[in-house]
Amino acid sequence: MPICIYTFEMKKNTIFMKFLTLFFTAVVFFLPDASHGNAQDPLIYMRDLYREYDRMFIHYFTDEEMNRAEYIIRDGLFYSSHTGKLANFIFKKNIVVDRFYRIFIVRKSDWFIGHHHSAPVSGEPVYFAGEVKIRNGKLIGLNTNSGHYMPSNENLYNYLKYLQSLGVDLHDVKMGREPHHDSFQYNVHEFMLEYKKSIEIKQCQKFYNVTDNF
C-alpha cells in the first residue's frame, strides 16, 4: 500500500511539474527576445525570465559533464572531445557554442529528460545555440531552435561562416532559420547568399543616408 501511494504521488507531482513547465514556457515564448549578438558584441544573452526558470528546474553541468558533452571540429568533421570518436546524431540534438567557441552537444530537453541549451554553459552568454544533426562526423542539419537564447539570422550567418573557416562542408546541410527555427527545410548556400545580399543593401542604404546629410 505505501508503494502504491508513493507511486501515485510521484505521478501526480510529475503531471503538476509538466503543467507548470508548459505554462511557464508558453508565457516566456511571448516575452521580448534575448539580446542578440551584433558586430560589436557577437554574443547572445539568455532571456532574463529564464534565469528564474533555470534556478527552479535546470541542472547546470559540472566540469566532468561538460567534458563529456564537448565536441571539436577536425578536418571539417565533428569528433567527441571525450572519446575521440566521430559524432553521430541522426536525431536532432541541442548544440550550444560558448563564448570561447567550445561546442557542446546534448540530448534535447523533453520535459525533465535531456538538457536545455543553458545547462552546459551555466546560463552564460553564447556564440550560437540551436539543434544539430550529424552523420559520421559530417554536419547534415542545423537550426536556431533555442527558447533560452533565440538566435537571430545574423547569429546563424556568423556561425555558418565560422564553420566554413574550420573546413566544414556546408554543401548538403539543411537548416532552419527565422521564422521557422525548428525546421531543416532551407538550403544553407541559398540562405548565405541571400543574407550577404541583404547586408550589402543595408550598407548601401547607410552610406547614402549619411551622404544625404551633407
C-alpha atoms as a PDB file:
ATOM      1  CA  MET A   1       0.000   0.000   0.000  1.00  0.00           C
ATOM      2  CA  PRO A   2       2.726   2.562   0.836  1.00  0.00           C
ATOM      3  CA  ILE A   3       4.338   1.772  -2.541  1.00  0.00           C
ATOM      4  CA  CYS A   4       1.050   2.470  -4.349  1.00  0.00           C
ATOM      5  CA  ILE A   5       0.636   5.779  -2.531  1.00  0.00           C
ATOM      6  CA  TYR A   6       4.253   6.719  -3.292  1.00  0.00           C
ATOM      7  CA  THR A   7       3.813   5.887  -6.983  1.00  0.00           C
ATOM      8  CA  PHE A   8       0.592   7.895  -7.159  1.00  0.00           C
ATOM      9  CA  GLU A   9       2.244  10.885  -5.506  1.00  0.00           C
ATOM     10  CA  MET A  10       5.169  10.709  -7.941  1.00  0.00           C
ATOM     11  CA  LYS A  11       2.807  10.611 -10.931  1.00  0.00           C
ATOM     12  CA  LYS A  12       0.761  13.474  -9.524  1.00  0.00           C
ATOM     13  CA  ASN A  13       3.851  15.589  -8.903  1.00  0.00           C
ATOM     14  CA  THR A  14       5.237  14.778 -12.356  1.00  0.00           C
ATOM     15  CA  ILE A  15       1.985  15.848 -14.033  1.00  0.00           C
ATOM     16  CA  PHE A  16       1.926  19.052 -11.997  1.00  0.00           C
ATOM     17  CA  MET A  17       5.551  19.858 -12.863  1.00  0.00           C
ATOM     18  CA  LYS A  18       4.916  19.198 -16.560  1.00  0.00           C
ATOM     19  CA  PHE A  19       1.913  21.516 -16.492  1.00  0.00           C
ATOM     20  CA  LEU A  20       3.899  24.185 -14.659  1.00  0.00           C
ATOM     21  CA  THR A  21       6.775  23.919 -17.131  1.00  0.00           C
ATOM     22  CA  LEU A  22       4.426  24.091 -20.120  1.00  0.00           C
ATOM     23  CA  PHE A  23       2.682  27.160 -18.687  1.00  0.00           C
ATOM     24  CA  PHE A  24       5.979  28.862 -17.917  1.00  0.00           C
ATOM     25  CA  THR A  25       7.341  28.106 -21.396  1.00  0.00           C
ATOM     26  CA  ALA A  26       4.189  29.456 -23.045  1.00  0.00           C
ATOM     27  CA  VAL A  27       4.446  32.704 -21.082  1.00  0.00           C
ATOM     28  CA  VAL A  28       8.147  33.135 -21.791  1.00  0.00           C
ATOM     29  CA  PHE A  29       7.649  32.498 -25.513  1.00  0.00           C
ATOM     30  CA  PHE A  30       5.713  35.749 -25.897  1.00  0.00           C
ATOM     31  CA  LEU A  31       8.131  37.887 -23.902  1.00  0.00           C
ATOM     32  CA  PRO A  32      10.834  40.035 -25.538  1.00  0.00           C
ATOM     33  CA  ASP A  33      13.655  38.205 -27.284  1.00  0.00           C
ATOM     34  CA  ALA A  34      17.091  37.570 -25.916  1.00  0.00           C
ATOM     35  CA  SER A  35      19.813  40.099 -26.587  1.00  0.00           C
ATOM     36  CA  HIS A  36      21.178  39.077 -29.986  1.00  0.00           C
ATOM     37  CA  GLY A  37      24.794  39.479 -30.952  1.00  0.00           C
ATOM     38  CA  ASN A  38      25.986  42.188 -33.311  1.00  0.00           C
ATOM     39  CA  ALA A  39      29.237  43.374 -34.862  1.00  0.00           C
ATOM     40  CA  GLN A  40      30.341  44.993 -31.597  1.00  0.00           C
ATOM     41  CA  ASP A  41      29.295  42.106 -29.343  1.00  0.00           C
ATOM     42  CA  PRO A  42      28.665  38.791 -31.153  1.00  0.00           C
ATOM     43  CA  LEU A  43      27.427  37.025 -28.005  1.00  0.00           C
ATOM     44  CA  ILE A  44      23.801  36.073 -27.396  1.00  0.00           C
ATOM     45  CA  TYR A  45      22.498  36.613 -23.867  1.00  0.00           C
ATOM     46  CA  MET A  46      19.939  34.361 -22.250  1.00  0.00           C
ATOM     47  CA  ARG A  47      16.436  35.780 -21.852  1.00  0.00           C
ATOM     48  CA  ASP A  48      16.103  37.216 -18.343  1.00  0.00           C
ATOM     49  CA  LEU A  49      12.995  35.346 -17.245  1.00  0.00           C
ATOM     50  CA  TYR A  50      14.654  32.020 -17.999  1.00  0.00           C
ATOM     51  CA  ARG A  51      17.072  32.670 -15.159  1.00  0.00           C
ATOM     52  CA  GLU A  52      14.301  32.031 -12.637  1.00  0.00           C
ATOM     53  CA  TYR A  53      13.172  29.020 -14.674  1.00  0.00           C
ATOM     54  CA  ASP A  54      16.722  27.641 -14.620  1.00  0.00           C
ATOM     55  CA  ARG A  55      17.026  28.248 -10.903  1.00  0.00           C
ATOM     56  CA  MET A  56      13.935  26.133 -10.263  1.00  0.00           C
ATOM     57  CA  PHE A  57      14.310  23.372 -12.840  1.00  0.00           C
ATOM     58  CA  ILE A  58      17.652  23.194 -14.655  1.00  0.00           C
ATOM     59  CA  HIS A  59      20.769  21.320 -13.596  1.00  0.00           C
ATOM     60  CA  TYR A  60      23.888  23.161 -14.739  1.00  0.00           C
ATOM     61  CA  PHE A  61      26.735  20.910 -15.838  1.00  0.00           C
ATOM     62  CA  THR A  62      29.714  20.024 -13.708  1.00  0.00           C
ATOM     63  CA  ASP A  63      33.193  20.159 -15.267  1.00  0.00           C
ATOM     64  CA  GLU A  64      33.051  16.403 -15.868  1.00  0.00           C
ATOM     65  CA  GLU A  65      29.671  16.655 -17.602  1.00  0.00           C
ATOM     66  CA  MET A  66      30.972  19.495 -19.761  1.00  0.00           C
ATOM     67  CA  ASN A  67      33.949  17.395 -20.807  1.00  0.00           C
ATOM     68  CA  ARG A  68      31.670  14.510 -21.807  1.00  0.00           C
ATOM     69  CA  ALA A  69      29.422  16.820 -23.840  1.00  0.00           C
ATOM     70  CA  GLU A  70      32.191  18.721 -25.633  1.00  0.00           C
ATOM     71  CA  TYR A  71      32.897  18.231 -29.332  1.00  0.00           C
ATOM     72  CA  ILE A  72      35.649  19.505 -31.569  1.00  0.00           C
ATOM     73  CA  ILE A  73      35.952  20.046 -35.313  1.00  0.00           C
ATOM     74  CA  ARG A  74      38.917  18.441 -37.043  1.00  0.00           C
ATOM     75  CA  ASP A  75      39.350  18.340 -40.825  1.00  0.00           C
ATOM     76  CA  GLY A  76      35.803  19.622 -41.170  1.00  0.00           C
ATOM     77  CA  LEU A  77      34.275  16.779 -39.123  1.00  0.00           C
ATOM     78  CA  PHE A  78      32.780  16.701 -35.616  1.00  0.00           C
ATOM     79  CA  TYR A  79      34.504  14.495 -33.035  1.00  0.00           C
ATOM     80  CA  SER A  80      33.762  13.805 -29.393  1.00  0.00           C
ATOM     81  CA  SER A  81      36.429  15.523 -27.338  1.00  0.00           C
ATOM     82  CA  HIS A  82      35.900  12.886 -24.642  1.00  0.00           C
ATOM     83  CA  THR A  83      36.075   9.664 -26.691  1.00  0.00           C
ATOM     84  CA  GLY A  84      37.759  10.847 -29.875  1.00  0.00           C
ATOM     85  CA  LYS A  85      35.044   9.167 -31.972  1.00  0.00           C
ATOM     86  CA  LEU A  86      33.163  10.725 -34.873  1.00  0.00           C
ATOM     87  CA  ALA A  87      29.856  12.280 -33.830  1.00  0.00           C
ATOM     88  CA  ASN A  88      26.652  10.556 -34.956  1.00  0.00           C
ATOM     89  CA  PHE A  89      23.325  12.276 -34.291  1.00  0.00           C
ATOM     90  CA  ILE A  90      20.705  11.264 -36.855  1.00  0.00           C
ATOM     91  CA  PHE A  91      18.001  12.505 -34.496  1.00  0.00           C
ATOM     92  CA  LYS A  92      18.401  16.164 -33.645  1.00  0.00           C
ATOM     93  CA  LYS A  93      20.315  17.186 -30.531  1.00  0.00           C
ATOM     94  CA  ASN A  94      20.853  20.509 -28.831  1.00  0.00           C
ATOM     95  CA  ILE A  95      24.031  22.330 -29.780  1.00  0.00           C
ATOM     96  CA  VAL A  96      25.446  25.300 -27.905  1.00  0.00           C
ATOM     97  CA  VAL A  97      28.684  27.166 -28.593  1.00  0.00           C
ATOM     98  CA  ASP A  98      30.069  29.124 -25.656  1.00  0.00           C
ATOM     99  CA  ARG A  99      31.967  32.423 -25.683  1.00  0.00           C
ATOM    100  CA  PHE A 100      35.245  30.514 -26.157  1.00  0.00           C
ATOM    101  CA  TYR A 101      33.838  28.687 -29.218  1.00  0.00           C
ATOM    102  CA  ARG A 102      33.689  25.387 -27.356  1.00  0.00           C
ATOM    103  CA  ILE A 103      30.965  23.163 -28.807  1.00  0.00           C
ATOM    104  CA  PHE A 104      28.601  21.219 -26.558  1.00  0.00           C
ATOM    105  CA  ILE A 105      26.070  18.751 -27.945  1.00  0.00           C
ATOM    106  CA  VAL A 106      23.477  17.233 -25.615  1.00  0.00           C
ATOM    107  CA  ARG A 107      20.210  15.359 -25.683  1.00  0.00           C
ATOM    108  CA  LYS A 108      17.262  17.630 -26.322  1.00  0.00           C
ATOM    109  CA  SER A 109      15.095  18.524 -23.350  1.00  0.00           C
ATOM    110  CA  ASP A 110      11.837  16.548 -23.207  1.00  0.00           C
ATOM    111  CA  TRP A 111      10.166  17.881 -20.088  1.00  0.00           C
ATOM    112  CA  PHE A 112      12.687  16.838 -17.416  1.00  0.00           C
ATOM    113  CA  ILE A 113      14.628  14.374 -19.576  1.00  0.00           C
ATOM    114  CA  GLY A 114      17.553  15.790 -21.509  1.00  0.00           C
ATOM    115  CA  HIS A 115      19.111  19.232 -21.291  1.00  0.00           C
ATOM    116  CA  HIS A 116      18.317  22.828 -22.170  1.00  0.00           C
ATOM    117  CA  HIS A 117      20.843  24.986 -24.016  1.00  0.00           C
ATOM    118  CA  SER A 118      21.737  26.827 -20.826  1.00  0.00           C
ATOM    119  CA  ALA A 119      22.831  23.673 -18.973  1.00  0.00           C
ATOM    120  CA  PRO A 120      26.349  23.133 -20.418  1.00  0.00           C
ATOM    121  CA  VAL A 121      27.225  26.849 -20.138  1.00  0.00           C
ATOM    122  CA  SER A 122      25.541  27.614 -16.802  1.00  0.00           C
ATOM    123  CA  GLY A 123      23.344  30.273 -18.379  1.00  0.00           C
ATOM    124  CA  GLU A 124      26.291  32.299 -19.661  1.00  0.00           C
ATOM    125  CA  PRO A 125      26.220  34.188 -22.999  1.00  0.00           C
ATOM    126  CA  VAL A 126      26.839  32.036 -26.069  1.00  0.00           C
ATOM    127  CA  TYR A 127      28.027  32.446 -29.619  1.00  0.00           C
ATOM    128  CA  PHE A 128      25.352  30.120 -31.003  1.00  0.00           C
ATOM    129  CA  ALA A 129      22.561  27.788 -29.855  1.00  0.00           C
ATOM    130  CA  GLY A 130      20.171  25.562 -31.747  1.00  0.00           C
ATOM    131  CA  GLU A 131      19.676  21.997 -32.928  1.00  0.00           C
ATOM    132  CA  VAL A 132      22.002  19.823 -34.961  1.00  0.00           C
ATOM    133  CA  LYS A 133      22.100  16.611 -36.983  1.00  0.00           C
ATOM    134  CA  ILE A 134      25.417  14.888 -37.720  1.00  0.00           C
ATOM    135  CA  ARG A 135      26.173  11.695 -39.666  1.00  0.00           C
ATOM    136  CA  ASN A 136      29.616  10.104 -39.370  1.00  0.00           C
ATOM    137  CA  GLY A 137      31.057  13.425 -38.229  1.00  0.00           C
ATOM    138  CA  LYS A 138      29.558  15.343 -41.168  1.00  0.00           C
ATOM    139  CA  LEU A 139      27.117  18.162 -40.439  1.00  0.00           C
ATOM    140  CA  ILE A 140      23.790  17.484 -42.180  1.00  0.00           C
ATOM    141  CA  GLY A 141      21.362  19.755 -40.283  1.00  0.00           C
ATOM    142  CA  LEU A 142      21.463  22.942 -38.214  1.00  0.00           C
ATOM    143  CA  ASN A 143      18.791  25.324 -36.946  1.00  0.00           C
ATOM    144  CA  THR A 144      18.245  28.130 -34.431  1.00  0.00           C
ATOM    145  CA  ASN A 145      15.642  26.452 -32.217  1.00  0.00           C
ATOM    146  CA  SER A 146      16.529  27.643 -28.702  1.00  0.00           C
ATOM    147  CA  GLY A 147      13.975  29.184 -26.355  1.00  0.00           C
ATOM    148  CA  HIS A 148      16.652  30.264 -23.892  1.00  0.00           C
ATOM    149  CA  TYR A 149      18.726  32.203 -26.445  1.00  0.00           C
ATOM    150  CA  MET A 150      16.629  32.574 -29.648  1.00  0.00           C
ATOM    151  CA  PRO A 151      19.481  33.225 -32.122  1.00  0.00           C
ATOM    152  CA  SER A 152      18.765  35.588 -34.990  1.00  0.00           C
ATOM    153  CA  ASN A 153      19.519  35.010 -38.660  1.00  0.00           C
ATOM    154  CA  GLU A 154      22.589  37.193 -38.157  1.00  0.00           C
ATOM    155  CA  ASN A 155      23.849  34.836 -35.432  1.00  0.00           C
ATOM    156  CA  LEU A 156      23.222  31.878 -37.728  1.00  0.00           C
ATOM    157  CA  TYR A 157      25.026  33.510 -40.644  1.00  0.00           C
ATOM    158  CA  ASN A 158      28.052  34.335 -38.491  1.00  0.00           C
ATOM    159  CA  TYR A 159      28.256  30.795 -37.130  1.00  0.00           C
ATOM    160  CA  LEU A 160      27.982  29.270 -40.606  1.00  0.00           C
ATOM    161  CA  LYS A 161      30.867  31.496 -41.729  1.00  0.00           C
ATOM    162  CA  TYR A 162      32.856  30.305 -38.717  1.00  0.00           C
ATOM    163  CA  LEU A 163      32.147  26.653 -39.601  1.00  0.00           C
ATOM    164  CA  GLN A 164      33.318  27.316 -43.139  1.00  0.00           C
ATOM    165  CA  SER A 165      36.575  28.726 -41.793  1.00  0.00           C
ATOM    166  CA  LEU A 166      37.116  25.395 -39.999  1.00  0.00           C
ATOM    167  CA  GLY A 167      36.657  23.434 -43.209  1.00  0.00           C
ATOM    168  CA  VAL A 168      33.114  22.197 -42.534  1.00  0.00           C
ATOM    169  CA  ASP A 169      31.366  21.240 -45.790  1.00  0.00           C
ATOM    170  CA  LEU A 170      28.008  23.043 -45.874  1.00  0.00           C
ATOM    171  CA  HIS A 171      27.012  21.907 -49.351  1.00  0.00           C
ATOM    172  CA  ASP A 172      24.333  19.383 -48.330  1.00  0.00           C
ATOM    173  CA  VAL A 173      23.389  20.912 -44.978  1.00  0.00           C
ATOM    174  CA  LYS A 174      19.708  21.629 -44.386  1.00  0.00           C
ATOM    175  CA  MET A 175      18.909  24.372 -41.915  1.00  0.00           C
ATOM    176  CA  GLY A 176      16.219  26.227 -40.025  1.00  0.00           C
ATOM    177  CA  ARG A 177      16.063  29.985 -39.559  1.00  0.00           C
ATOM    178  CA  GLU A 178      13.659  32.758 -38.586  1.00  0.00           C
ATOM    179  CA  PRO A 179      10.713  32.338 -38.518  1.00  0.00           C
ATOM    180  CA  HIS A 180      10.945  28.522 -38.812  1.00  0.00           C
ATOM    181  CA  HIS A 181      13.512  27.951 -36.082  1.00  0.00           C
ATOM    182  CA  ASP A 182      12.836  24.250 -35.565  1.00  0.00           C
ATOM    183  CA  SER A 183      12.866  23.112 -39.208  1.00  0.00           C
ATOM    184  CA  PHE A 184      15.529  21.682 -41.502  1.00  0.00           C
ATOM    185  CA  GLN A 185      13.980  22.904 -44.746  1.00  0.00           C
ATOM    186  CA  TYR A 186      16.307  25.611 -46.044  1.00  0.00           C
ATOM    187  CA  ASN A 187      19.420  25.346 -48.177  1.00  0.00           C
ATOM    188  CA  VAL A 188      22.491  26.804 -46.459  1.00  0.00           C
ATOM    189  CA  HIS A 189      24.096  28.328 -49.559  1.00  0.00           C
ATOM    190  CA  GLU A 190      20.870  29.990 -50.651  1.00  0.00           C
ATOM    191  CA  PHE A 191      20.461  31.448 -47.172  1.00  0.00           C
ATOM    192  CA  MET A 192      24.057  32.731 -47.036  1.00  0.00           C
ATOM    193  CA  LEU A 193      23.836  34.349 -50.471  1.00  0.00           C
ATOM    194  CA  GLU A 194      20.503  35.926 -49.577  1.00  0.00           C
ATOM    195  CA  TYR A 195      21.752  37.183 -46.220  1.00  0.00           C
ATOM    196  CA  LYS A 196      25.006  38.518 -47.685  1.00  0.00           C
ATOM    197  CA  LYS A 197      22.972  40.431 -50.266  1.00  0.00           C
ATOM    198  CA  SER A 198      20.787  41.912 -47.517  1.00  0.00           C
ATOM    199  CA  ILE A 199      23.935  43.077 -45.690  1.00  0.00           C
ATOM    200  CA  GLU A 200      25.218  44.785 -48.846  1.00  0.00           C
ATOM    201  CA  ILE A 201      21.855  46.507 -49.363  1.00  0.00           C
ATOM    202  CA  LYS A 202      21.870  47.781 -45.764  1.00  0.00           C
ATOM    203  CA  GLN A 203      25.422  49.071 -46.169  1.00  0.00           C
ATOM    204  CA  CYS A 204      24.431  50.934 -49.333  1.00  0.00           C
ATOM    205  CA  GLN A 205      21.384  52.416 -47.628  1.00  0.00           C
ATOM    206  CA  LYS A 206      23.505  53.504 -44.685  1.00  0.00           C
ATOM    207  CA  PHE A 207      26.080  55.079 -46.994  1.00  0.00           C
ATOM    208  CA  TYR A 208      23.527  57.072 -48.962  1.00  0.00           C
ATOM    209  CA  ASN A 209      21.690  58.166 -45.831  1.00  0.00           C
ATOM    210  CA  VAL A 210      24.957  59.539 -44.443  1.00  0.00           C
ATOM    211  CA  THR A 211      25.769  61.174 -47.799  1.00  0.00           C
ATOM    212  CA  ASP A 212      22.360  62.834 -47.955  1.00  0.00           C
ATOM    213  CA  ASN A 213      23.047  64.567 -44.650  1.00  0.00           C
ATOM    214  CA  PHE A 214      25.866  66.614 -46.132  1.00  0.00           C
END
